[in-house]
Amino acid sequence: MLATPTLMLAVVGLALAGALVHECGHAAACRYGGARPGVIGFGMYLVWPAFFTDVTDTYRLSRRGRLRTDLGGIYFNGLYALVLCGALAVSHAEVLVTAIVLTRLDAARQLAPFVRLDGYYIMGDLAGVPDLFSRMVPALRPALPGRRRPPIGRPAAGGPVARGGGAAPAGLTGGTRLTGLTRRARLVVTAWALLAAPAIVINLLMLLVSVPFVLPRTARAVWAQLEPAGSAIGGGQVLTGAADAAAAVVLALPAAGMLFVLFLLGRAVGRGLVAYRRRSQAPAGGAKNSSAMPSGSRNDRPLP
């Protein structure tokens, strides 16, 4: 496949088709449970193209109905792999073997609970908490050495909840406590936080260590694809040149994603340092928290 750019284009096309089928699975499971699915859209998840499905209406369903919606995409991944197996049996096109393997790997990747993929929403629905990341710090605080248990605050006010990347719903901002949760929900959130925090830190450390090695190798691999692409286009072989260029883009995306993650991380650290400096310089009792979102705001749920 790597030696034949047209095969790489075929695999990328099949992978995108599988991603769309995955989102259809979420929408179908949402409707099967009695809720009304929203739009299926297309966007960029960091630097990677991704589909998403608005299934906000599933919050009217029971926990079983929400979990069915969470797993509907992976179920449709299995059906898609079976269709590819049938096409392979008929056509004997070996490129389908790669597409089948990638389809199963993508389904396994969706189960990762540490980023906003299907596994994250499965954990949230098991706990009955719509945004686990907003509860991570309160869940970890009692486990930190030398930390006293924070004072019990007033439970967050009720209101609409949302699934989505980015902002937390009203009442789930950084000062959220674990009060108001059942014992089972508190155990699930705490177990998730104890696993997610070190996993995220380890991945960030691996990212920092691997960047100096990945970037130059990626640059050489991208140039090795772009050079024949220019020659092919100059020789009138437009399809071959376009395939080589597309292969170069596919090779460059992981490195671009790494750089973008580091940029976001650096920006977040910089903003945190600025906010800490302002708080330390502000007179006692003079600061006012205005970071909470207005009540009623909600996001769609992206499911790349």
Protein backbone atom coordinates (compact mmCIF):
# COMPACT_ATOMS: atom_id res chain seq x y z
CA MET A 1 0.00 0.00 0.00
CA LEU A 2 2.80 2.42 0.88
CA ALA A 3 4.52 1.70 -2.42
CA THR A 4 1.34 2.42 -4.42
CA PRO A 5 -0.16 5.85 -3.64
CA THR A 6 -3.46 5.03 -5.35
CA LEU A 7 -3.99 2.22 -2.83
CA MET A 8 -3.36 4.69 0.00
CA LEU A 9 -6.06 6.94 -1.42
CA ALA A 10 -8.42 3.94 -1.55
CA VAL A 11 -7.71 3.08 2.09
CA VAL A 12 -8.21 6.70 3.20
CA GLY A 13 -11.54 6.78 1.34
CA LEU A 14 -12.67 3.52 2.94
CA ALA A 15 -11.61 4.79 6.37
CA LEU A 16 -13.64 7.98 5.93
CA ALA A 17 -16.62 5.91 4.79
CA GLY A 18 -16.22 3.78 7.92
CA ALA A 19 -16.17 6.92 10.09
CA LEU A 20 -19.45 8.04 8.53
CA VAL A 21 -20.96 4.58 9.10
CA HIS A 22 -19.81 4.83 12.74
CA GLU A 23 -21.76 8.05 13.21
CA CYS A 24 -24.81 6.50 11.56
CA GLY A 25 -24.60 3.84 14.26
CA HIS A 26 -24.86 6.47 17.00
CA ALA A 27 -27.82 8.10 15.25
CA ALA A 28 -29.57 4.76 14.69
CA ALA A 29 -29.11 3.69 18.32
CA CYS A 30 -30.37 7.09 19.48
CA ARG A 31 -33.55 6.73 17.41
CA TYR A 32 -33.99 3.07 18.42
CA GLY A 33 -34.05 4.14 22.06
CA GLY A 34 -36.82 6.67 21.43
CA ALA A 35 -34.77 9.87 21.20
CA ARG A 36 -34.41 12.09 18.15
CA PRO A 37 -30.90 12.33 16.67
CA GLY A 38 -29.69 15.65 15.34
CA VAL A 39 -27.36 16.39 12.46
CA ILE A 40 -24.33 14.38 11.42
CA GLY A 41 -21.58 16.88 10.66
CA PHE A 42 -17.96 17.05 9.60
CA GLY A 43 -15.14 19.02 11.16
CA MET A 44 -11.55 18.92 12.36
CA TYR A 45 -10.54 17.21 15.63
CA LEU A 46 -7.24 18.97 16.34
CA VAL A 47 -5.82 18.47 12.83
CA TRP A 48 -7.58 15.26 11.82
CA PRO A 49 -10.83 15.21 9.84
CA ALA A 50 -13.67 13.81 11.90
CA PHE A 51 -17.42 13.29 11.79
CA PHE A 52 -19.70 14.06 14.72
CA THR A 53 -23.32 13.32 15.64
CA ASP A 54 -25.65 15.44 17.74
CA VAL A 55 -27.34 13.04 20.15
CA THR A 56 -28.17 15.56 22.88
CA ASP A 57 -31.74 14.24 23.02
CA THR A 58 -30.47 10.98 24.55
CA TYR A 59 -30.40 12.72 27.93
CA ARG A 60 -34.15 12.04 28.04
CA LEU A 61 -33.39 8.31 27.94
CA SER A 62 -32.44 5.92 30.69
CA ARG A 63 -28.85 4.96 31.36
CA ARG A 64 -29.37 1.85 29.23
CA GLY A 65 -30.58 3.95 26.30
CA ARG A 66 -27.59 6.30 26.56
CA LEU A 67 -25.15 3.39 26.72
CA ARG A 68 -26.82 1.86 23.64
CA THR A 69 -26.21 5.14 21.82
CA ASP A 70 -22.59 5.22 23.00
CA LEU A 71 -21.97 1.69 21.66
CA GLY A 72 -23.99 2.07 18.45
CA GLY A 73 -21.02 3.40 16.52
CA ILE A 74 -18.79 0.46 17.40
CA TYR A 75 -21.62 -1.94 16.53
CA PHE A 76 -21.89 -0.37 13.08
CA ASN A 77 -18.10 -0.60 12.76
CA GLY A 78 -18.52 -4.36 13.10
CA LEU A 79 -21.22 -4.41 10.42
CA TYR A 80 -19.01 -2.32 8.13
CA ALA A 81 -16.11 -4.74 8.64
CA LEU A 82 -18.41 -7.63 7.68
CA VAL A 83 -19.40 -5.80 4.48
CA LEU A 84 -15.72 -5.30 3.65
CA CYS A 85 -15.10 -9.01 4.32
CA GLY A 86 -17.86 -9.88 1.84
CA ALA A 87 -16.36 -7.50 -0.74
CA LEU A 88 -12.94 -9.11 -0.17
CA ALA A 89 -14.37 -12.60 -0.70
CA VAL A 90 -15.90 -11.50 -4.00
CA SER A 91 -13.19 -9.22 -5.41
CA HIS A 92 -10.02 -10.63 -3.78
CA ALA A 93 -8.74 -7.01 -3.58
CA GLU A 94 -6.04 -7.23 -0.96
CA VAL A 95 -6.32 -3.53 -0.14
CA LEU A 96 -9.56 -4.43 1.66
CA VAL A 97 -7.54 -6.43 4.20
CA THR A 98 -5.85 -3.20 5.32
CA ALA A 99 -9.21 -1.41 5.45
CA ILE A 100 -10.71 -4.18 7.61
CA VAL A 101 -7.81 -4.08 10.06
CA LEU A 102 -7.97 -0.28 10.30
CA THR A 103 -11.73 -0.46 10.89
CA ARG A 104 -11.26 -2.77 13.86
CA LEU A 105 -8.37 -0.70 15.22
CA ASP A 106 -10.53 2.42 14.98
CA ALA A 107 -13.30 0.68 16.92
CA ALA A 108 -10.80 -0.25 19.64
CA ARG A 109 -9.44 3.31 19.70
CA GLN A 110 -12.95 4.64 20.25
CA LEU A 111 -13.05 2.82 23.61
CA ALA A 112 -10.24 4.99 25.05
CA PRO A 113 -11.81 6.74 28.07
CA PHE A 114 -9.18 9.48 28.49
CA VAL A 115 -10.18 11.72 25.56
CA ARG A 116 -13.60 12.67 24.24
CA LEU A 117 -14.22 9.46 22.32
CA ASP A 118 -16.91 6.82 22.83
CA GLY A 119 -15.16 5.32 25.86
CA TYR A 120 -15.25 8.69 27.61
CA TYR A 121 -19.00 9.00 27.13
CA ILE A 122 -19.51 5.39 28.18
CA MET A 123 -17.73 6.11 31.47
CA GLY A 124 -19.75 9.30 31.91
CA ASP A 125 -23.04 7.50 31.36
CA LEU A 126 -22.05 4.70 33.72
CA ALA A 127 -21.38 7.31 36.39
CA GLY A 128 -24.34 9.50 35.44
CA VAL A 129 -22.01 12.51 35.05
CA PRO A 130 -22.14 14.42 31.76
CA ASP A 131 -18.62 15.91 31.92
CA LEU A 132 -15.98 13.84 33.67
CA PHE A 133 -13.13 16.28 33.07
CA SER A 134 -14.86 18.90 35.21
CA ARG A 135 -14.83 16.42 38.11
CA MET A 136 -11.23 15.23 37.74
CA VAL A 137 -9.57 17.72 40.11
CA PRO A 138 -12.17 17.34 42.90
CA ALA A 139 -11.88 13.54 42.60
CA LEU A 140 -8.08 13.62 42.81
CA ARG A 141 -7.85 16.21 45.58
CA PRO A 142 -8.41 13.78 48.51
CA ALA A 143 -5.73 11.44 47.10
CA LEU A 144 -3.03 14.13 47.00
CA PRO A 145 -0.55 13.94 49.92
CA GLY A 146 -0.83 16.74 52.44
CA ARG A 147 -4.17 17.91 51.10
CA ARG A 148 -7.04 18.42 53.48
CA ARG A 149 -10.52 17.50 52.37
CA PRO A 150 -12.10 20.60 50.80
CA PRO A 151 -15.17 22.09 52.42
CA ILE A 152 -18.44 20.72 51.19
CA GLY A 153 -20.04 23.17 48.83
CA ARG A 154 -23.58 23.56 47.69
CA PRO A 155 -24.58 21.08 44.96
CA ALA A 156 -24.72 22.48 41.46
CA ALA A 157 -28.09 23.71 40.35
CA GLY A 158 -30.03 21.54 37.96
CA GLY A 159 -30.39 22.41 34.31
CA PRO A 160 -29.70 21.20 30.81
CA VAL A 161 -26.61 19.14 30.28
CA ALA A 162 -24.50 18.86 27.18
CA ARG A 163 -21.99 16.60 25.58
CA GLY A 164 -19.25 18.22 23.59
CA GLY A 165 -15.62 19.17 23.32
CA GLY A 166 -14.53 22.24 25.23
CA ALA A 167 -16.63 24.22 27.66
CA ALA A 168 -18.41 22.62 30.59
CA PRO A 169 -22.15 23.03 31.10
CA ALA A 170 -23.53 25.42 33.67
CA GLY A 171 -22.89 24.23 37.22
CA LEU A 172 -19.93 22.05 36.18
CA THR A 173 -17.13 24.60 36.19
CA GLY A 174 -13.80 24.22 37.89
CA GLY A 175 -15.13 24.56 41.44
CA THR A 176 -17.37 21.52 41.12
CA ARG A 177 -17.47 19.17 44.13
CA LEU A 178 -18.48 15.54 44.18
CA THR A 179 -21.45 16.31 46.38
CA GLY A 180 -24.80 15.37 44.96
CA LEU A 181 -23.44 12.17 43.37
CA THR A 182 -24.40 8.70 44.47
CA ARG A 183 -21.77 6.49 46.04
CA ARG A 184 -21.48 4.41 42.86
CA ALA A 185 -21.11 7.53 40.71
CA ARG A 186 -18.44 8.89 43.06
CA LEU A 187 -16.52 5.61 42.88
CA VAL A 188 -16.68 5.54 39.07
CA VAL A 189 -15.54 9.16 38.76
CA THR A 190 -12.70 8.66 41.26
CA ALA A 191 -11.52 5.44 39.57
CA TRP A 192 -11.63 7.14 36.18
CA ALA A 193 -9.69 10.16 37.47
CA LEU A 194 -7.02 7.98 39.11
CA LEU A 195 -6.49 6.18 35.78
CA ALA A 196 -6.92 9.15 33.47
CA ALA A 197 -4.57 11.59 35.20
CA PRO A 198 -1.41 9.42 35.00
CA ALA A 199 -2.33 8.23 31.50
CA ILE A 200 -2.62 11.83 30.28
CA VAL A 201 0.65 12.83 32.00
CA ILE A 202 2.51 9.81 30.56
CA ASN A 203 1.20 10.54 27.07
CA LEU A 204 2.27 14.17 27.32
CA LEU A 205 5.74 13.14 28.48
CA MET A 206 6.02 10.63 25.63
CA LEU A 207 4.90 13.39 23.27
CA LEU A 208 7.61 15.75 24.50
CA VAL A 209 10.28 13.05 24.28
CA SER A 210 9.29 11.86 20.80
CA VAL A 211 8.91 15.26 19.09
CA PRO A 212 12.66 15.73 18.35
CA PHE A 213 12.74 12.29 16.69
CA VAL A 214 9.40 12.39 14.89
CA LEU A 215 9.66 15.81 13.24
CA PRO A 216 12.83 15.27 11.17
CA ARG A 217 11.77 11.79 10.12
CA THR A 218 8.36 13.08 9.12
CA ALA A 219 9.94 15.88 7.12
CA ARG A 220 12.09 13.38 5.19
CA ALA A 221 9.12 11.08 4.56
CA VAL A 222 6.92 13.96 3.37
CA TRP A 223 9.64 15.20 1.03
CA ALA A 224 10.07 11.67 -0.31
CA GLN A 225 6.38 11.75 -1.29
CA LEU A 226 6.28 15.32 -2.60
CA GLU A 227 9.29 14.95 -4.88
CA PRO A 228 7.75 12.23 -7.08
CA ALA A 229 4.41 14.05 -6.88
CA GLY A 230 5.94 17.10 -8.57
CA SER A 231 7.63 14.93 -11.19
CA ALA A 232 4.41 13.04 -11.90
CA ILE A 233 2.35 16.20 -12.29
CA GLY A 234 5.04 17.70 -14.52
CA GLY A 235 4.92 14.56 -16.66
CA GLY A 236 1.17 14.72 -17.07
CA GLN A 237 0.34 11.94 -14.59
CA VAL A 238 -2.09 14.01 -12.57
CA LEU A 239 -3.75 11.11 -10.71
CA THR A 240 -0.42 9.67 -9.57
CA GLY A 241 0.80 13.10 -8.51
CA ALA A 242 -2.38 13.79 -6.56
CA ALA A 243 -2.08 10.41 -4.83
CA ASP A 244 1.53 11.14 -3.85
CA ALA A 245 0.53 14.56 -2.52
CA ALA A 246 -2.35 13.05 -0.53
CA ALA A 247 0.03 10.47 0.91
CA ALA A 248 2.36 13.29 1.99
CA VAL A 249 -0.52 15.01 3.78
CA VAL A 250 -1.47 11.78 5.56
CA LEU A 251 2.14 11.35 6.70
CA ALA A 252 2.35 14.95 7.91
CA LEU A 253 -0.87 14.96 9.96
CA PRO A 254 0.46 13.12 13.06
CA ALA A 255 3.42 15.48 13.39
CA ALA A 256 1.16 18.48 12.83
CA GLY A 257 -1.17 17.16 15.52
CA MET A 258 1.73 16.79 17.95
CA LEU A 259 2.81 20.39 17.37
CA PHE A 260 -0.75 21.64 17.76
CA VAL A 261 -1.20 19.75 21.05
CA LEU A 262 2.04 21.28 22.35
CA PHE A 263 0.82 24.72 21.28
CA LEU A 264 -2.49 24.24 23.13
CA LEU A 265 -0.65 22.94 26.18
CA GLY A 266 1.75 25.88 26.21
CA ARG A 267 -1.09 28.35 25.80
CA ALA A 268 -3.03 26.75 28.68
CA VAL A 269 0.04 26.84 30.94
CA GLY A 270 0.69 30.47 30.03
CA ARG A 271 -2.89 31.48 30.76
CA GLY A 272 -2.78 29.61 34.05
CA LEU A 273 0.41 31.41 35.11
CA VAL A 274 -1.07 34.78 34.18
CA ALA A 275 -4.26 34.03 36.11
CA TYR A 276 -2.26 32.86 39.13
CA ARG A 277 -0.16 36.01 39.05
CA ARG A 278 -3.25 38.20 38.91
CA ARG A 279 -4.84 36.36 41.82
CA SER A 280 -1.69 36.68 43.91
CA GLN A 281 -1.49 40.41 43.23
CA ALA A 282 -5.20 41.10 43.76
CA PRO A 283 -6.26 42.47 47.17
CA ALA A 284 -7.96 40.02 49.52
CA GLY A 285 -11.68 39.79 48.91
CA GLY A 286 -11.46 41.88 45.75
CA ALA A 287 -11.58 39.11 43.20
CA LYS A 288 -14.84 38.07 41.62
CA ASN A 289 -15.37 34.88 39.69
CA SER A 290 -16.99 35.57 36.33
CA SER A 291 -15.93 32.47 34.46
CA ALA A 292 -19.17 30.49 34.79
CA MET A 293 -21.16 29.98 31.64
CA PRO A 294 -24.67 31.39 31.51
CA SER A 295 -27.37 28.96 32.53
CA GLY A 296 -28.89 27.05 29.68
CA SER A 297 -25.88 26.97 27.33
CA ARG A 298 -25.21 23.61 25.76
CA ASN A 299 -23.05 22.00 23.12
CA ASP A 300 -23.53 19.24 20.61
CA ARG A 301 -21.61 16.04 21.19
CA PRO A 302 -18.72 15.47 18.77
CA LEU A 303 -17.92 11.82 18.23
CA PRO A 304 -14.95 11.55 16.00
